[in-house]
Each structure stands twice: as structure tokens, then as C-alpha cells.
C-alpha atoms as a PDB file:
ATOM      1  CA  MET A   1      28.748 -13.006  34.299  1.00  0.00           C
ATOM      2  CA  ARG A   2      31.806 -14.442  32.786  1.00  0.00           C
ATOM      3  CA  GLN A   3      31.780 -16.766  29.623  1.00  0.00           C
ATOM      4  CA  GLU A   4      34.409 -18.363  27.348  1.00  0.00           C
ATOM      5  CA  TRP A   5      33.516 -18.456  23.440  1.00  0.00           C
ATOM      6  CA  TYR A   6      35.160 -20.947  21.103  1.00  0.00           C
ATOM      7  CA  ASP A   7      35.144 -21.544  17.534  1.00  0.00           C
ATOM      8  CA  LEU A   8      33.247 -18.358  16.245  1.00  0.00           C
ATOM      9  CA  LEU A   9      32.482 -17.803  12.700  1.00  0.00           C
ATOM     10  CA  PHE A  10      31.484 -14.402  11.716  1.00  0.00           C
ATOM     11  CA  ALA A  11      29.479 -14.710   8.407  1.00  0.00           C
ATOM     12  CA  HIS A  12      28.416 -10.987   7.498  1.00  0.00           C
ATOM     13  CA  TRP A  13      26.473  -9.675   4.591  1.00  0.00           C
ATOM     14  CA  PRO A  14      25.896  -6.300   3.380  1.00  0.00           C
ATOM     15  CA  VAL A  15      22.498  -4.720   3.938  1.00  0.00           C
ATOM     16  CA  SER A  16      20.763  -1.849   2.176  1.00  0.00           C
ATOM     17  CA  ALA A  17      19.977   0.558   5.138  1.00  0.00           C
ATOM     18  CA  ALA A  18      16.505   1.401   3.631  1.00  0.00           C
ATOM     19  CA  VAL A  19      15.611  -2.682   4.344  1.00  0.00           C
ATOM     20  CA  LEU A  20      17.000  -3.049   7.279  1.00  0.00           C
ATOM     21  CA  ARG A  21      15.261  -0.017   8.934  1.00  0.00           C
ATOM     22  CA  PRO A  22      11.877  -1.305   9.531  1.00  0.00           C
ATOM     23  CA  LEU A  23      13.233  -4.225  10.953  1.00  0.00           C
ATOM     24  CA  VAL A  24      15.183  -2.235  14.032  1.00  0.00           C
ATOM     25  CA  PRO A  25      13.479  -0.315  16.376  1.00  0.00           C
ATOM     26  CA  LYS A  26      12.998   3.115  15.606  1.00  0.00           C
ATOM     27  CA  GLU A  27      15.018   4.118  19.217  1.00  0.00           C
ATOM     28  CA  LEU A  28      18.149   2.553  17.567  1.00  0.00           C
ATOM     29  CA  THR A  29      20.348   4.241  15.199  1.00  0.00           C
ATOM     30  CA  LEU A  30      21.882   2.330  12.445  1.00  0.00           C
ATOM     31  CA  ASP A  31      25.444   2.171  12.596  1.00  0.00           C
ATOM     32  CA  LEU A  32      26.447   1.924   8.954  1.00  0.00           C
ATOM     33  CA  ARG A  33      29.637   1.775   6.885  1.00  0.00           C
ATOM     34  CA  GLN A  34      29.914   4.172   4.458  1.00  0.00           C
ATOM     35  CA  GLY A  35      26.282   3.962   4.078  1.00  0.00           C
ATOM     36  CA  THR A  36      25.478   0.292   4.129  1.00  0.00           C
ATOM     37  CA  ALA A  37      24.215  -1.822   6.727  1.00  0.00           C
ATOM     38  CA  TYR A  38      25.395  -4.880   7.785  1.00  0.00           C
ATOM     39  CA  VAL A  39      23.733  -8.584   9.114  1.00  0.00           C
ATOM     40  CA  GLY A  40      25.751 -11.114  10.498  1.00  0.00           C
ATOM     41  CA  VAL A  41      25.020 -14.833  11.182  1.00  0.00           C
ATOM     42  CA  VAL A  42      27.441 -15.686  13.967  1.00  0.00           C
ATOM     43  CA  PRO A  43      27.562 -19.464  15.525  1.00  0.00           C
ATOM     44  CA  PHE A  44      29.669 -20.555  18.335  1.00  0.00           C
ATOM     45  CA  VAL A  45      30.024 -22.525  21.399  1.00  0.00           C
ATOM     46  CA  ILE A  46      29.689 -21.042  24.791  1.00  0.00           C
ATOM     47  CA  ARG A  47      31.641 -22.849  27.829  1.00  0.00           C
ATOM     48  CA  ASN A  48      31.910 -21.883  31.455  1.00  0.00           C
ATOM     49  CA  LEU A  49      29.141 -19.833  31.657  1.00  0.00           C
ATOM     50  CA  ARG A  50      28.695 -18.548  35.282  1.00  0.00           C
ATOM     51  CA  PRO A  51      28.070 -15.533  37.930  1.00  0.00           C
ATOM     52  CA  ARG A  52      31.751 -14.247  38.319  1.00  0.00           C
ATOM     53  CA  GLY A  53      33.394 -15.748  41.468  1.00  0.00           C
ATOM     54  CA  VAL A  54      30.896 -19.062  40.928  1.00  0.00           C
ATOM     55  CA  PRO A  55      32.086 -22.446  39.578  1.00  0.00           C
ATOM     56  CA  PRO A  56      30.699 -23.406  36.430  1.00  0.00           C
ATOM     57  CA  LEU A  57      27.908 -26.175  36.413  1.00  0.00           C
ATOM     58  CA  PRO A  58      28.583 -28.747  33.349  1.00  0.00           C
ATOM     59  CA  ILE A  59      25.070 -29.177  32.545  1.00  0.00           C
ATOM     60  CA  LEU A  60      24.316 -25.415  32.358  1.00  0.00           C
ATOM     61  CA  SER A  61      27.479 -23.450  31.439  1.00  0.00           C
ATOM     62  CA  HIS A  62      28.367 -25.005  28.339  1.00  0.00           C
ATOM     63  CA  PHE A  63      26.292 -25.057  25.038  1.00  0.00           C
ATOM     64  CA  ALA A  64      26.112 -23.950  21.421  1.00  0.00           C
ATOM     65  CA  GLU A  65      24.592 -20.850  20.263  1.00  0.00           C
ATOM     66  CA  ILE A  66      24.280 -18.873  17.224  1.00  0.00           C
ATOM     67  CA  ASN A  67      22.611 -15.311  16.564  1.00  0.00           C
ATOM     68  CA  VAL A  68      21.579 -12.773  13.948  1.00  0.00           C
ATOM     69  CA  ARG A  69      22.362  -9.462  14.701  1.00  0.00           C
ATOM     70  CA  THR A  70      23.314  -5.852  13.160  1.00  0.00           C
ATOM     71  CA  TYR A  71      24.805  -2.687  14.512  1.00  0.00           C
ATOM     72  CA  VAL A  72      23.247   0.187  15.970  1.00  0.00           C
ATOM     73  CA  THR A  73      24.609   3.034  18.140  1.00  0.00           C
ATOM     74  CA  ILE A  74      23.474   5.337  20.659  1.00  0.00           C
ATOM     75  CA  ASP A  75      24.980   8.910  22.571  1.00  0.00           C
ATOM     76  CA  ASP A  76      28.366   7.367  20.024  1.00  0.00           C
ATOM     77  CA  LYS A  77      28.448   4.321  21.852  1.00  0.00           C
ATOM     78  CA  PRO A  78      28.238   1.425  19.225  1.00  0.00           C
ATOM     79  CA  GLY A  79      26.725  -1.931  19.678  1.00  0.00           C
ATOM     80  CA  VAL A  80      25.077  -5.110  18.811  1.00  0.00           C
ATOM     81  CA  TYR A  81      21.485  -5.162  18.218  1.00  0.00           C
ATOM     82  CA  PHE A  82      20.270  -8.943  18.198  1.00  0.00           C
ATOM     83  CA  PHE A  83      17.526  -9.979  15.793  1.00  0.00           C
ATOM     84  CA  SER A  84      17.636 -13.674  17.303  1.00  0.00           C
ATOM     85  CA  LEU A  85      19.823 -15.826  19.601  1.00  0.00           C
ATOM     86  CA  ASP A  86      19.333 -19.694  19.544  1.00  0.00           C
ATOM     87  CA  ALA A  87      20.660 -21.850  22.044  1.00  0.00           C
ATOM     88  CA  GLU A  88      20.237 -25.577  23.200  1.00  0.00           C
ATOM     89  CA  ASN A  89      20.273 -25.125  26.439  1.00  0.00           C
ATOM     90  CA  LEU A  90      16.452 -24.136  28.153  1.00  0.00           C
ATOM     91  CA  SER A  91      17.672 -22.633  31.250  1.00  0.00           C
ATOM     92  CA  ALA A  92      19.997 -20.277  29.338  1.00  0.00           C
ATOM     93  CA  VAL A  93      17.428 -19.357  26.970  1.00  0.00           C
ATOM     94  CA  LEU A  94      14.563 -18.582  29.565  1.00  0.00           C
ATOM     95  CA  GLY A  95      17.238 -16.816  31.731  1.00  0.00           C
ATOM     96  CA  ALA A  96      18.495 -14.300  28.909  1.00  0.00           C
ATOM     97  CA  ARG A  97      15.120 -13.403  27.980  1.00  0.00           C
ATOM     98  CA  LEU A  98      13.926 -12.597  31.225  1.00  0.00           C
ATOM     99  CA  ALA A  99      17.436 -10.981  32.944  1.00  0.00           C
ATOM    100  CA  TYR A 100      18.384  -9.068  29.320  1.00  0.00           C
ATOM    101  CA  GLY A 101      15.385  -8.671  27.284  1.00  0.00           C
ATOM    102  CA  LEU A 102      16.997 -10.739  24.321  1.00  0.00           C
ATOM    103  CA  PRO A 103      15.055 -12.821  21.926  1.00  0.00           C
ATOM    104  CA  TYR A 104      16.382 -16.315  22.480  1.00  0.00           C
ATOM    105  CA  TYR A 105      15.220 -19.911  20.882  1.00  0.00           C
ATOM    106  CA  LYS A 106      15.758 -23.125  21.553  1.00  0.00           C
ATOM    107  CA  ALA A 107      17.125 -24.910  19.216  1.00  0.00           C
ATOM    108  CA  ASN A 108      19.140 -28.338  18.382  1.00  0.00           C
ATOM    109  CA  PHE A 109      22.778 -28.336  17.423  1.00  0.00           C
ATOM    110  CA  ARG A 110      25.319 -31.176  16.331  1.00  0.00           C
ATOM    111  CA  ILE A 111      28.822 -29.590  16.141  1.00  0.00           C
ATOM    112  CA  ARG A 112      31.904 -31.774  14.810  1.00  0.00           C
ATOM    113  CA  ARG A 113      35.345 -30.480  14.864  1.00  0.00           C
ATOM    114  CA  ARG A 114      38.246 -32.478  12.750  1.00  0.00           C
ATOM    115  CA  GLU A 115      41.889 -31.474  12.088  1.00  0.00           C
ATOM    116  CA  GLY A 116      41.059 -27.384  12.530  1.00  0.00           C
ATOM    117  CA  THR A 117      37.540 -27.869  10.794  1.00  0.00           C
ATOM    118  CA  ILE A 118      34.242 -27.052  12.445  1.00  0.00           C
ATOM    119  CA  ASP A 119      31.211 -28.877  11.128  1.00  0.00           C
ATOM    120  CA  TYR A 120      28.348 -27.036  12.636  1.00  0.00           C
ATOM    121  CA  GLU A 121      24.663 -27.759  12.398  1.00  0.00           C
ATOM    122  CA  SER A 122      21.655 -26.135  13.965  1.00  0.00           C
ATOM    123  CA  HIS A 123      17.716 -26.795  13.998  1.00  0.00           C
ATOM    124  CA  ARG A 124      15.578 -24.124  15.741  1.00  0.00           C
ATOM    125  CA  THR A 125      12.318 -26.238  16.893  1.00  0.00           C
ATOM    126  CA  VAL A 126       9.884 -23.331  17.835  1.00  0.00           C
ATOM    127  CA  ARG A 127       8.614 -20.343  16.052  1.00  0.00           C
ATOM    128  CA  PRO A 128       9.358 -18.202  14.341  1.00  0.00           C
ATOM    129  CA  ARG A 129      10.794 -21.025  11.784  1.00  0.00           C
ATOM    130  CA  PRO A 130      12.745 -21.776   9.095  1.00  0.00           C
ATOM    131  CA  ALA A 131      15.693 -20.936  11.109  1.00  0.00           C
ATOM    132  CA  ASP A 132      18.158 -23.437  10.429  1.00  0.00           C
ATOM    133  CA  PHE A 133      21.945 -23.384   9.519  1.00  0.00           C
ATOM    134  CA  HIS A 134      24.391 -25.954   8.293  1.00  0.00           C
ATOM    135  CA  ALA A 135      28.218 -24.902   7.909  1.00  0.00           C
ATOM    136  CA  THR A 136      31.413 -26.537   7.593  1.00  0.00           C
ATOM    137  CA  TYR A 137      34.294 -23.521   8.641  1.00  0.00           C
ATOM    138  CA  ARG A 138      37.957 -23.005   9.176  1.00  0.00           C
ATOM    139  CA  PRO A 139      40.429 -20.228   9.531  1.00  0.00           C
ATOM    140  CA  CYS A 140      42.652 -19.450   6.669  1.00  0.00           C
ATOM    141  CA  SER A 141      45.309 -16.977   7.540  1.00  0.00           C
ATOM    142  CA  PRO A 142      47.299 -15.525  10.163  1.00  0.00           C
ATOM    143  CA  GLU A 143      46.014 -13.726  13.012  1.00  0.00           C
ATOM    144  CA  LEU A 144      44.796 -10.073  11.583  1.00  0.00           C
ATOM    145  CA  PRO A 145      46.990  -7.378  13.080  1.00  0.00           C
ATOM    146  CA  TRP A 146      45.296  -5.018  15.468  1.00  0.00           C
ATOM    147  CA  ARG A 147      46.116  -1.221  16.224  1.00  0.00           C
ATOM    148  CA  PRO A 148      44.463   0.861  18.866  1.00  0.00           C
ATOM    149  CA  ILE A 149      43.021   2.936  15.971  1.00  0.00           C
ATOM    150  CA  ASP A 150      41.915   0.732  13.347  1.00  0.00           C
ATOM    151  CA  ASP A 151      39.320   1.818  10.938  1.00  0.00           C
ATOM    152  CA  SER A 152      38.966  -1.948   8.999  1.00  0.00           C
ATOM    153  CA  LEU A 153      35.841  -3.471   8.360  1.00  0.00           C
ATOM    154  CA  GLU A 154      36.497  -6.205  10.410  1.00  0.00           C
ATOM    155  CA  ARG A 155      36.972  -4.240  13.482  1.00  0.00           C
ATOM    156  CA  PHE A 156      33.984  -2.088  12.728  1.00  0.00           C
ATOM    157  CA  LEU A 157      32.158  -5.632  12.405  1.00  0.00           C
ATOM    158  CA  SER A 158      33.758  -7.232  15.747  1.00  0.00           C
ATOM    159  CA  GLU A 159      34.654  -4.544  18.308  1.00  0.00           C
ATOM    160  CA  ARG A 160      31.932  -3.790  20.164  1.00  0.00           C
ATOM    161  CA  TYR A 161      31.416  -3.563  23.724  1.00  0.00           C
ATOM    162  CA  CYS A 162      27.748  -3.239  24.454  1.00  0.00           C
ATOM    163  CA  LEU A 163      24.368  -4.536  23.231  1.00  0.00           C
ATOM    164  CA  TYR A 164      21.102  -2.874  22.978  1.00  0.00           C
ATOM    165  CA  ALA A 165      17.582  -4.568  23.793  1.00  0.00           C
ATOM    166  CA  LEU A 166      14.016  -3.083  24.426  1.00  0.00           C
ATOM    167  CA  ILE A 167      12.668  -4.414  27.506  1.00  0.00           C
ATOM    168  CA  SER A 168       9.456  -3.099  28.171  1.00  0.00           C
ATOM    169  CA  GLY A 169       9.445  -0.016  25.988  1.00  0.00           C
ATOM    170  CA  HIS A 170      12.733   1.161  27.599  1.00  0.00           C
ATOM    171  CA  VAL A 171      16.265   1.022  25.765  1.00  0.00           C
ATOM    172  CA  TYR A 172      18.447  -0.807  28.116  1.00  0.00           C
ATOM    173  CA  ARG A 173      22.361  -1.141  27.013  1.00  0.00           C
ATOM    174  CA  THR A 174      24.312  -4.225  28.420  1.00  0.00           C
ATOM    175  CA  HIS A 175      28.055  -3.774  28.516  1.00  0.00           C
ATOM    176  CA  ILE A 176      30.777  -6.179  27.522  1.00  0.00           C
ATOM    177  CA  HIS A 177      34.420  -6.627  28.347  1.00  0.00           C
ATOM    178  CA  HIS A 178      37.090  -8.386  26.829  1.00  0.00           C
ATOM    179  CA  LEU A 179      40.216  -7.899  24.761  1.00  0.00           C
ATOM    180  CA  PRO A 180      40.449  -6.899  21.035  1.00  0.00           C
ATOM    181  CA  TRP A 181      38.913 -10.006  18.972  1.00  0.00           C
ATOM    182  CA  PRO A 182      42.153 -12.392  17.867  1.00  0.00           C
ATOM    183  CA  LEU A 183      40.335 -12.407  13.986  1.00  0.00           C
ATOM    184  CA  GLN A 184      41.681 -14.627  11.289  1.00  0.00           C
ATOM    185  CA  LEU A 185      40.162 -14.736   7.504  1.00  0.00           C
ATOM    186  CA  ALA A 186      38.040 -17.722   7.492  1.00  0.00           C
ATOM    187  CA  GLN A 187      36.808 -20.284   4.530  1.00  0.00           C
ATOM    188  CA  ALA A 188      33.365 -21.514   5.019  1.00  0.00           C
ATOM    189  CA  GLN A 189      30.818 -24.129   3.060  1.00  0.00           C
ATOM    190  CA  ILE A 190      27.192 -22.869   4.061  1.00  0.00           C
ATOM    191  CA  ALA A 191      25.063 -25.856   2.868  1.00  0.00           C
ATOM    192  CA  THR A 192      21.847 -24.366   4.947  1.00  0.00           C
ATOM    193  CA  ASN A 193      21.322 -20.626   6.096  1.00  0.00           C
ATOM    194  CA  THR A 194      17.453 -20.208   6.831  1.00  0.00           C
ATOM    195  CA  MET A 195      18.450 -17.987   9.992  1.00  0.00           C
ATOM    196  CA  ALA A 196      17.032 -14.670   8.618  1.00  0.00           C
ATOM    197  CA  GLU A 197      14.456 -15.806   6.706  1.00  0.00           C
ATOM    198  CA  PRO A 198      11.894 -14.701   9.178  1.00  0.00           C
ATOM    199  CA  LEU A 199      12.849 -10.976   8.915  1.00  0.00           C
ATOM    200  CA  CYS A 200      12.110 -11.680   5.248  1.00  0.00           C
ATOM    201  CA  LEU A 201      16.238 -11.061   4.398  1.00  0.00           C
ATOM    202  CA  ASP A 202      17.751 -13.541   1.459  1.00  0.00           C
ATOM    203  CA  PHE A 203      21.360 -14.153   1.861  1.00  0.00           C
ATOM    204  CA  SER A 204      21.931 -16.531  -1.268  1.00  0.00           C
ATOM    205  CA  SER A 205      24.110 -13.587  -2.822  1.00  0.00           C
ATOM    206  CA  PRO A 206      26.561 -12.282  -2.321  1.00  0.00           C
ATOM    207  CA  PRO A 207      28.847 -14.428  -0.773  1.00  0.00           C
ATOM    208  CA  PRO A 208      29.579 -13.082   2.674  1.00  0.00           C
ATOM    209  CA  LEU A 209      32.585 -11.505   4.623  1.00  0.00           C
ATOM    210  CA  LEU A 210      33.683 -14.346   6.569  1.00  0.00           C
ATOM    211  CA  HIS A 211      36.252 -14.408   9.640  1.00  0.00           C
ATOM    212  CA  TYR A 212      37.089 -16.929  12.384  1.00  0.00           C
ATOM    213  CA  SER A 213      38.140 -16.559  16.102  1.00  0.00           C
ATOM    214  CA  ASN A 214      39.260 -19.796  18.014  1.00  0.00           C
ATOM    215  CA  PHE A 215      38.563 -18.037  21.727  1.00  0.00           C
ATOM    216  CA  LEU A 216      37.767 -15.150  23.693  1.00  0.00           C
ATOM    217  CA  ASP A 217      37.118 -14.674  27.298  1.00  0.00           C
ATOM    218  CA  VAL A 218      34.229 -12.589  28.206  1.00  0.00           C
ATOM    219  CA  LEU A 219      32.837 -10.596  31.113  1.00  0.00           C
ATOM    220  CA  VAL A 220      28.976  -9.681  30.653  1.00  0.00           C
ATOM    221  CA  TRP A 221      27.492  -6.996  33.291  1.00  0.00           C
ATOM    222  CA  TRP A 222      23.809  -6.313  34.041  1.00  0.00           C
ATOM    223  CA  PRO A 223      21.769  -4.233  31.284  1.00  0.00           C
ATOM    224  CA  GLU A 224      21.111  -0.559  32.549  1.00  0.00           C
ATOM    225  CA  ARG A 225      18.492   1.474  31.370  1.00  0.00           C
ATOM    226  CA  VAL A 226      19.404   4.296  28.685  1.00  0.00           C
ATOM    227  CA  PHE A 227      15.781   5.613  28.242  1.00  0.00           C
END
């Protein structure tokens, strides 16, 4: 499956591994940075989602999404574990739940872009709630450099080329292919963020680590069973 991601904000908060461990399936090893776990809230827009070789359908292929995620690893393959993914496209929600075992939820969105600033608002319409987000954000630096060997925190959080999910009690890995993230530092005013309240996590402080990416072209493979 091919898709394009636009106007993406990485907002990350450090979380104690002891607090996070009960929230992640025991089969998955937390991937820590100097002993600290991170949880990210990531709003963006998907365009041109379609099976590879098939033209996109405007009604089904373009929609907003926001996810809540952390980082795990199995067999030295670091990846993403999603606590939730909210989308406005009901077909995408149902399809991703069925095919990938991902916790998608239906939400309403309002997104406006003006002079390089994105005003992004989402409101989940189903349980668990509340799970709302409203922020204005924009890049505030040139593109950050990337090297084949890069141990920076922003690359630890972003350069993940698979995701993990439990399907019928088994761990599945889905490979994702894309070029290294074109990251910039970001500024954001977050007016509402209750995306992690269903997890009983409080993101009122400290201020998040913020990065922005304008565009990424992505290939997503079918999930494969790990064990």
C-alpha cells in the first residue's frame, strides 16, 4: 500500500518506563533512550492512499489522522507501537482494524493552513473518550542534517521502519519503507490535548519535544507474524 503524509507534527513527552510498561503488551520490549520511554502524539494528513499500482480514489484516499504511539523492539528491530489512531475516514478505520490489527477510532477533524502555519483540530466521536487535540504549529528551523549513523534523539524517535501489533494473541510486524524523515524543529501552541487521557497519562508538563515534517512518501507492506 502506498500513501503520502503531509504537515506532520511529532510531539513527544518523556515517560517513566515503570509507568508505561503496564500499558504495552508484555510480548513487546520497550525501546528506551537512556532509560527513558517516550510517548508521541502525531497529527498529520494522509493523501493518495491506495494499493500499489492502483490510482487513488478522492473520497477514500485523502483524510486526516492523529496517533498516540510509543517505541518498542523485537529481535533488534526497533518499531512503533500504537495506543490509538484516530481518522475521519470510516472505511480506513474499519479496514486498518481488520487488516493490521490497529486500534483505529473514528474522529472529526478541522484543519486550516495559512502562511506556513497549520491549525489542526480533532475530536474523537467514539469511546474511549475524551481524546481531543487542538494545536497550531509550524516549522522554525532549516531541515536538520541526517547521517547514516545518527544517534540523536530526534532520529531515535522518528526513524522507525516497522510497526508492531497483537492480532489474536500473536505479535505481527508490518514493514514500512520510506526515505529518512526530512525533519525541522517546530513551534506549537497546544490548546487541547486529551489524546492520552484514556491511558491515564498526563501531558500537561513538561513541554513536549517538537519536530515537523512537510512531506513523506511511504510504502506499507502486509503484516507478518513474528510469533
